[in-house]
N, C-alpha and C. Protein backbone atom coordinates (compact mmCIF):
# COMPACT_ATOMS: atom_id res chain seq x y z
N MET A 1 0.92 -1.23 0.08
CA MET A 1 -0.07 0.06 0.13
C MET A 1 1.01 1.27 -0.07
N SER A 2 0.22 2.30 -0.80
CA SER A 2 1.21 3.51 -0.75
C SER A 2 0.99 4.08 0.60
N GLU A 3 1.92 5.14 1.33
CA GLU A 3 1.53 5.63 2.46
C GLU A 3 0.33 6.62 2.49
N TYR A 4 -0.57 6.36 3.49
CA TYR A 4 -1.52 6.99 3.71
C TYR A 4 -1.49 8.55 3.78
N GLN A 5 -2.15 9.73 3.40
CA GLN A 5 -1.70 10.81 3.51
C GLN A 5 -2.58 11.72 4.45
N LYS A 6 -3.63 11.25 5.03
CA LYS A 6 -4.68 11.67 5.48
C LYS A 6 -4.42 11.37 7.30
N PRO A 7 -4.97 12.16 8.22
CA PRO A 7 -4.83 11.85 9.53
C PRO A 7 -5.66 10.65 9.96
N LEU A 8 -4.90 10.13 11.09
CA LEU A 8 -5.37 8.69 11.27
C LEU A 8 -5.58 8.91 12.76
N PRO A 9 -6.60 7.99 13.42
CA PRO A 9 -7.06 8.02 14.79
C PRO A 9 -5.64 7.74 15.71
N THR A 10 -5.69 8.30 16.58
CA THR A 10 -4.36 7.85 17.81
C THR A 10 -5.29 7.31 18.75
N PRO A 11 -5.34 6.04 18.90
CA PRO A 11 -6.06 5.34 19.99
C PRO A 11 -5.63 5.40 21.36
N THR A 12 -6.37 5.70 22.22
CA THR A 12 -6.00 5.59 23.68
C THR A 12 -6.29 4.05 24.42
N GLU A 13 -5.87 4.07 25.48
CA GLU A 13 -6.13 2.78 26.28
C GLU A 13 -7.57 2.70 26.30
N LEU A 14 -8.37 3.56 26.40
CA LEU A 14 -9.61 3.41 26.29
C LEU A 14 -10.36 3.07 24.82
N THR A 15 -9.69 3.81 23.87
CA THR A 15 -10.49 3.32 22.33
C THR A 15 -9.90 2.28 21.86
N GLN A 16 -8.68 1.76 22.24
CA GLN A 16 -7.86 0.69 21.49
C GLN A 16 -8.70 -0.32 21.26
N PRO A 17 -9.72 -0.95 21.88
CA PRO A 17 -10.65 -1.96 21.44
C PRO A 17 -11.55 -1.70 20.45
N PHE A 18 -11.91 -0.45 20.23
CA PHE A 18 -12.92 0.06 19.22
C PHE A 18 -12.00 -0.07 18.04
N TRP A 19 -10.85 0.52 17.76
CA TRP A 19 -9.93 0.68 16.65
C TRP A 19 -9.51 -0.70 16.09
N ASP A 20 -9.20 -1.50 17.21
CA ASP A 20 -8.76 -3.01 16.84
C ASP A 20 -10.15 -3.79 16.21
N GLY A 21 -11.03 -3.52 16.72
CA GLY A 21 -12.48 -4.18 15.98
C GLY A 21 -12.65 -3.35 14.80
N VAL A 22 -12.39 -2.20 14.43
CA VAL A 22 -12.56 -1.61 13.04
C VAL A 22 -11.35 -2.25 12.19
N ARG A 23 -10.39 -2.72 12.64
CA ARG A 23 -9.16 -3.23 11.73
C ARG A 23 -9.58 -4.71 11.51
N GLU A 24 -10.04 -5.43 12.36
CA GLU A 24 -11.13 -6.46 12.10
C GLU A 24 -12.25 -6.66 11.52
N GLU A 25 -13.01 -5.51 11.09
CA GLU A 25 -14.19 -5.48 10.56
C GLU A 25 -15.38 -5.72 11.31
N LYS A 26 -14.88 -5.23 12.73
CA LYS A 26 -16.05 -5.42 13.57
C LYS A 26 -16.51 -3.87 14.10
N LEU A 27 -17.82 -3.61 14.36
CA LEU A 27 -18.14 -2.38 14.85
C LEU A 27 -18.26 -2.44 16.36
N LEU A 28 -17.62 -2.15 17.30
CA LEU A 28 -17.68 -2.46 18.63
C LEU A 28 -18.00 -1.22 19.47
N VAL A 29 -18.84 -1.37 20.38
CA VAL A 29 -19.11 -0.05 21.32
C VAL A 29 -19.06 -0.62 22.66
N GLN A 30 -19.04 0.21 23.61
CA GLN A 30 -19.19 -0.45 25.06
C GLN A 30 -20.43 -0.70 25.48
N LYS A 31 -20.61 -1.68 26.38
CA LYS A 31 -22.20 -1.83 27.02
C LYS A 31 -22.08 -1.87 28.40
N CYS A 32 -22.62 -1.22 29.04
CA CYS A 32 -22.56 -1.39 30.53
C CYS A 32 -23.17 -2.49 31.19
N SER A 33 -22.28 -2.87 31.88
CA SER A 33 -22.52 -4.13 32.48
C SER A 33 -23.71 -4.00 33.86
N GLY A 34 -23.76 -2.55 34.05
CA GLY A 34 -24.87 -2.31 35.13
C GLY A 34 -26.26 -2.28 34.55
N CYS A 35 -26.37 -1.48 33.56
CA CYS A 35 -27.71 -1.22 33.18
C CYS A 35 -28.03 -1.66 31.59
N GLY A 36 -26.91 -2.14 30.80
CA GLY A 36 -26.96 -2.66 29.43
C GLY A 36 -26.91 -1.47 28.41
N THR A 37 -26.93 -0.22 28.84
CA THR A 37 -26.78 0.89 27.86
C THR A 37 -25.66 0.86 27.00
N LEU A 38 -25.69 0.97 25.76
CA LEU A 38 -24.79 1.15 24.63
C LEU A 38 -24.09 2.64 24.57
N ARG A 39 -22.85 2.46 24.42
CA ARG A 39 -22.09 3.73 24.40
C ARG A 39 -21.32 3.94 23.40
N HIS A 40 -21.19 5.17 22.48
CA HIS A 40 -19.83 5.44 21.90
C HIS A 40 -20.12 6.96 21.78
N ILE A 41 -19.12 7.63 22.12
CA ILE A 41 -17.71 7.42 21.92
C ILE A 41 -17.40 6.77 23.43
N PRO A 42 -16.19 5.75 23.45
CA PRO A 42 -15.83 5.21 24.46
C PRO A 42 -15.57 6.02 25.67
N LYS A 43 -16.16 5.63 27.04
CA LYS A 43 -16.15 6.52 28.29
C LYS A 43 -15.65 5.69 29.32
N PRO A 44 -15.22 6.14 30.47
CA PRO A 44 -14.72 5.22 31.42
C PRO A 44 -15.92 4.86 32.38
N TRP A 45 -17.05 5.55 32.16
CA TRP A 45 -18.30 5.27 32.99
C TRP A 45 -19.24 5.38 32.14
N CYS A 46 -20.48 4.89 32.72
CA CYS A 46 -21.96 4.87 31.98
C CYS A 46 -22.59 6.24 32.55
N ALA A 47 -22.97 7.11 31.47
CA ALA A 47 -23.82 8.36 31.75
C ALA A 47 -25.02 7.88 32.38
N ASN A 48 -25.53 6.70 32.13
CA ASN A 48 -26.93 6.42 32.46
C ASN A 48 -26.82 5.99 34.12
N CYS A 49 -25.91 5.16 34.20
CA CYS A 49 -25.97 4.65 35.75
C CYS A 49 -24.77 4.71 36.50
N LEU A 50 -23.67 5.31 35.95
CA LEU A 50 -22.46 5.68 36.29
C LEU A 50 -21.44 4.46 36.77
N SER A 51 -21.94 3.46 36.25
CA SER A 51 -21.18 2.26 36.63
C SER A 51 -19.88 2.42 35.81
N ASP A 52 -18.75 1.74 36.04
CA ASP A 52 -17.50 1.78 35.51
C ASP A 52 -17.16 0.32 34.89
N ASP A 53 -18.03 -0.44 34.88
CA ASP A 53 -17.99 -1.84 34.77
C ASP A 53 -18.48 -1.87 33.14
N TYR A 54 -18.04 -2.44 32.04
CA TYR A 54 -18.48 -2.63 30.54
C TYR A 54 -17.87 -3.85 29.97
N THR A 55 -18.39 -4.27 28.87
CA THR A 55 -17.89 -5.00 27.97
C THR A 55 -17.98 -4.41 26.74
N TRP A 56 -17.31 -4.97 25.43
CA TRP A 56 -17.52 -4.74 24.33
C TRP A 56 -18.46 -5.44 23.59
N SER A 57 -19.43 -4.87 22.85
CA SER A 57 -20.34 -5.51 22.22
C SER A 57 -20.41 -4.97 20.54
N GLN A 58 -20.68 -6.02 19.76
CA GLN A 58 -20.59 -5.77 18.19
C GLN A 58 -22.05 -5.42 17.81
N LEU A 59 -21.94 -4.40 17.07
CA LEU A 59 -23.22 -3.96 16.48
C LEU A 59 -23.40 -4.62 15.11
N SER A 60 -24.44 -4.38 14.52
CA SER A 60 -24.89 -5.03 13.09
C SER A 60 -24.17 -4.14 12.04
N GLY A 61 -24.07 -2.86 12.30
CA GLY A 61 -23.29 -2.05 11.23
C GLY A 61 -24.55 -1.47 10.29
N LYS A 62 -25.69 -1.87 10.71
CA LYS A 62 -26.88 -1.28 9.97
C LYS A 62 -27.42 -0.22 10.51
N GLY A 63 -27.78 0.79 9.68
CA GLY A 63 -28.60 1.98 10.33
C GLY A 63 -29.26 2.86 9.04
N GLU A 64 -29.35 4.32 9.55
CA GLU A 64 -29.87 5.16 8.65
C GLU A 64 -29.27 6.44 8.75
N VAL A 65 -29.03 7.21 7.95
CA VAL A 65 -28.67 8.76 7.77
C VAL A 65 -29.89 9.30 8.76
N TYR A 66 -29.04 9.73 10.11
CA TYR A 66 -29.83 10.79 10.69
C TYR A 66 -29.81 12.14 10.27
N SER A 67 -28.53 12.54 10.08
CA SER A 67 -28.43 13.81 9.53
C SER A 67 -27.04 13.89 8.63
N TYR A 68 -26.60 15.00 7.99
CA TYR A 68 -25.34 14.69 7.02
C TYR A 68 -24.97 16.36 6.78
N THR A 69 -23.78 16.41 6.29
CA THR A 69 -23.42 17.80 5.78
C THR A 69 -22.46 17.64 4.73
N ILE A 70 -22.33 18.31 3.83
CA ILE A 70 -21.70 18.21 2.39
C ILE A 70 -20.51 19.12 2.70
N MET A 71 -19.27 18.51 2.61
CA MET A 71 -18.01 19.36 2.86
C MET A 71 -17.92 19.85 1.56
N HIS A 72 -17.48 21.20 1.37
CA HIS A 72 -17.25 21.77 0.35
C HIS A 72 -15.86 22.52 0.37
N ARG A 73 -15.29 22.48 1.53
CA ARG A 73 -14.06 22.97 1.78
C ARG A 73 -13.31 21.92 2.48
N ALA A 74 -12.09 21.56 2.11
CA ALA A 74 -11.32 20.75 2.78
C ALA A 74 -10.75 21.01 4.01
N PRO A 75 -10.80 20.27 4.87
CA PRO A 75 -10.09 20.52 6.24
C PRO A 75 -8.57 20.45 6.23
N ALA A 76 -7.97 19.66 5.36
CA ALA A 76 -6.80 19.70 5.11
C ALA A 76 -6.28 19.45 3.70
N THR A 77 -5.14 19.64 3.49
CA THR A 77 -4.79 19.52 1.72
C THR A 77 -4.86 18.19 1.31
N SER A 78 -4.81 17.12 2.21
CA SER A 78 -5.03 15.80 1.83
C SER A 78 -6.45 15.61 1.35
N PHE A 79 -7.06 16.23 1.81
CA PHE A 79 -8.89 16.13 1.44
C PHE A 79 -9.25 16.64 0.16
N GLN A 80 -8.27 17.50 -0.53
CA GLN A 80 -8.99 18.32 -1.46
C GLN A 80 -9.15 17.62 -2.52
N THR A 81 -8.73 16.61 -3.13
CA THR A 81 -9.21 15.68 -4.03
C THR A 81 -10.61 15.10 -3.90
N GLU A 82 -11.18 15.32 -2.77
CA GLU A 82 -12.40 14.52 -2.40
C GLU A 82 -13.42 15.51 -2.35
N ILE A 83 -13.29 16.77 -2.52
CA ILE A 83 -14.23 17.59 -2.38
C ILE A 83 -15.32 17.67 -3.63
N PRO A 84 -16.50 17.91 -3.34
CA PRO A 84 -17.03 17.81 -2.04
C PRO A 84 -17.59 16.12 -1.86
N TYR A 85 -17.90 15.94 -0.52
CA TYR A 85 -18.10 14.55 0.07
C TYR A 85 -18.90 14.87 1.12
N ALA A 86 -19.71 13.87 1.47
CA ALA A 86 -20.66 13.96 2.70
C ALA A 86 -20.24 13.08 3.84
N VAL A 87 -20.45 13.86 4.90
CA VAL A 87 -20.27 13.17 6.39
C VAL A 87 -21.66 13.04 6.94
N ALA A 88 -21.99 11.91 7.53
CA ALA A 88 -23.20 11.69 8.05
C ALA A 88 -23.13 11.11 9.50
N LEU A 89 -24.16 11.39 10.12
CA LEU A 89 -24.44 11.08 11.65
C LEU A 89 -25.36 9.90 11.09
N VAL A 90 -25.04 8.90 11.50
CA VAL A 90 -25.78 7.59 11.28
C VAL A 90 -26.53 6.99 12.61
N GLU A 91 -27.75 6.79 12.63
CA GLU A 91 -28.17 5.98 13.55
C GLU A 91 -28.37 4.64 13.36
N LEU A 92 -27.55 3.74 14.13
CA LEU A 92 -27.48 2.29 13.89
C LEU A 92 -28.83 1.56 14.65
N GLU A 93 -29.11 0.46 13.96
CA GLU A 93 -30.21 -0.19 14.25
C GLU A 93 -30.38 -0.41 15.84
N GLU A 94 -29.31 -0.39 16.78
CA GLU A 94 -29.12 -0.70 18.20
C GLU A 94 -29.46 0.71 18.90
N GLY A 95 -29.46 1.74 18.17
CA GLY A 95 -29.67 3.10 18.70
C GLY A 95 -28.58 3.86 19.00
N VAL A 96 -27.26 3.31 18.59
CA VAL A 96 -26.12 4.22 18.90
C VAL A 96 -26.00 5.06 17.72
N ARG A 97 -25.27 6.39 17.81
CA ARG A 97 -25.23 7.03 16.59
C ARG A 97 -23.40 7.34 16.53
N MET A 98 -23.37 7.22 15.08
CA MET A 98 -21.90 7.54 14.75
C MET A 98 -21.73 8.55 13.56
N ILE A 99 -20.75 9.17 13.88
CA ILE A 99 -20.23 10.16 12.48
C ILE A 99 -18.96 9.62 11.80
N SER A 100 -19.35 9.34 10.26
CA SER A 100 -18.28 9.10 9.53
C SER A 100 -18.59 9.60 8.16
N ASN A 101 -17.64 9.18 7.05
CA ASN A 101 -17.98 9.68 5.98
C ASN A 101 -18.96 8.82 5.21
N LEU A 102 -19.82 9.10 4.34
CA LEU A 102 -20.72 8.29 3.36
C LEU A 102 -19.98 8.30 2.17
N VAL A 103 -19.86 7.05 1.63
CA VAL A 103 -19.28 6.90 0.34
C VAL A 103 -20.08 5.89 -0.47
N GLY A 104 -19.74 5.79 -1.74
CA GLY A 104 -20.61 4.92 -2.73
C GLY A 104 -21.87 5.59 -3.16
N VAL A 105 -22.09 7.04 -2.83
CA VAL A 105 -23.33 7.59 -3.43
C VAL A 105 -23.23 8.97 -3.80
N PRO A 106 -23.76 9.33 -4.81
CA PRO A 106 -23.40 10.81 -5.23
C PRO A 106 -24.21 11.67 -4.23
N ILE A 107 -23.37 12.84 -3.95
CA ILE A 107 -23.93 13.85 -2.82
C ILE A 107 -25.26 14.11 -3.11
N GLU A 108 -25.57 14.41 -4.62
CA GLU A 108 -27.00 14.94 -4.25
C GLU A 108 -28.08 13.79 -4.01
N ASP A 109 -27.63 12.34 -4.02
CA ASP A 109 -28.65 11.39 -3.69
C ASP A 109 -28.78 11.35 -2.00
N VAL A 110 -27.78 11.78 -1.37
CA VAL A 110 -27.86 11.63 0.01
C VAL A 110 -29.09 12.34 0.66
N LYS A 111 -29.94 11.29 1.19
CA LYS A 111 -31.04 11.86 2.07
C LYS A 111 -30.93 11.21 3.51
N ILE A 112 -31.88 12.15 4.32
CA ILE A 112 -31.94 11.81 5.80
C ILE A 112 -32.86 10.67 5.63
N GLY A 113 -32.68 9.38 6.45
CA GLY A 113 -33.52 8.38 6.51
C GLY A 113 -33.17 7.15 5.55
N MET A 114 -32.00 7.37 4.84
CA MET A 114 -31.52 6.86 3.94
C MET A 114 -30.72 5.22 4.59
N PRO A 115 -31.32 4.09 3.97
CA PRO A 115 -30.41 2.76 4.83
C PRO A 115 -28.92 2.78 4.37
N VAL A 116 -28.19 2.74 5.21
CA VAL A 116 -26.89 2.34 5.12
C VAL A 116 -26.35 1.29 5.96
N LYS A 117 -25.07 1.08 5.71
CA LYS A 117 -24.08 0.15 6.42
C LYS A 117 -22.81 0.30 6.43
N VAL A 118 -22.20 -0.22 7.66
CA VAL A 118 -20.88 0.05 7.72
C VAL A 118 -20.02 -0.65 6.65
N VAL A 119 -18.91 0.09 6.15
CA VAL A 119 -17.71 -0.47 5.04
C VAL A 119 -16.51 -0.21 5.94
N TYR A 120 -15.56 -0.98 5.48
CA TYR A 120 -14.23 -0.76 6.18
C TYR A 120 -13.00 -0.25 5.10
N GLU A 121 -12.06 0.83 5.37
CA GLU A 121 -11.19 1.06 4.53
C GLU A 121 -9.97 0.64 5.45
N HIS A 122 -9.15 -0.25 4.92
CA HIS A 122 -7.71 -0.67 5.60
C HIS A 122 -6.68 0.45 4.72
N VAL A 123 -6.23 1.08 5.55
CA VAL A 123 -5.51 2.31 5.01
C VAL A 123 -3.79 1.97 5.10
N ASN A 124 -3.51 1.09 6.08
CA ASN A 124 -2.14 0.51 6.02
C ASN A 124 -2.53 -0.79 7.15
N ASP A 125 -1.00 -1.43 7.11
CA ASP A 125 -1.02 -2.90 7.81
C ASP A 125 -1.54 -2.50 9.15
N GLU A 126 -1.57 -1.48 10.08
CA GLU A 126 -1.65 -1.26 11.23
C GLU A 126 -3.21 -0.48 11.50
N ALA A 127 -3.72 0.06 10.62
CA ALA A 127 -5.04 0.85 10.67
C ALA A 127 -6.14 0.76 9.68
N ALA A 128 -7.27 0.85 10.01
CA ALA A 128 -8.43 0.79 9.20
C ALA A 128 -9.46 1.87 9.82
N LEU A 129 -10.17 2.42 8.93
CA LEU A 129 -11.11 3.28 9.21
C LEU A 129 -12.50 2.61 8.71
N PHE A 130 -13.57 3.19 9.36
CA PHE A 130 -14.84 2.87 9.17
C PHE A 130 -15.95 3.87 8.58
N LYS A 131 -16.62 3.68 7.49
CA LYS A 131 -17.57 4.77 6.79
C LYS A 131 -18.78 3.97 6.58
N PHE A 132 -19.60 4.62 6.06
CA PHE A 132 -20.98 4.23 5.79
C PHE A 132 -21.20 4.34 4.21
N ALA A 133 -21.93 3.33 3.78
CA ALA A 133 -22.24 3.21 2.19
C ALA A 133 -23.87 2.87 2.06
N PRO A 134 -24.50 3.11 1.02
CA PRO A 134 -25.84 2.69 1.04
C PRO A 134 -26.11 1.22 1.19
N ALA A 135 -27.10 0.82 1.87
CA ALA A 135 -27.24 -0.47 2.26
C ALA A 135 -28.09 -1.04 0.84
């Protein structure tokens, strides 16, 4: 693979299991052992019951566009060739919302409520990214 030019996540001890899951093409979120609440972005305790006990749970990766924006200005020069592109807030079947790029669809066809599924981009031997595409 050629060297990836865009910014990559910098996992912490808390987020490493999430990014390891993405590399293995699994969408993982924390599940509170106290009340069962699913949460993303990873946190050290549950906002619902304050428990600090959790496990990692795999999601289906299926959902729908809850909201979106079209990027017309590149946040960095490495994104310039992709302008314009869509960034979506996706509500997954399990109720968790995640933000990522929406790929595989012309921007004029992006709609709120549009069914999507997670897809993975392996950018190098150590890292992968998750994105959403039409289902």
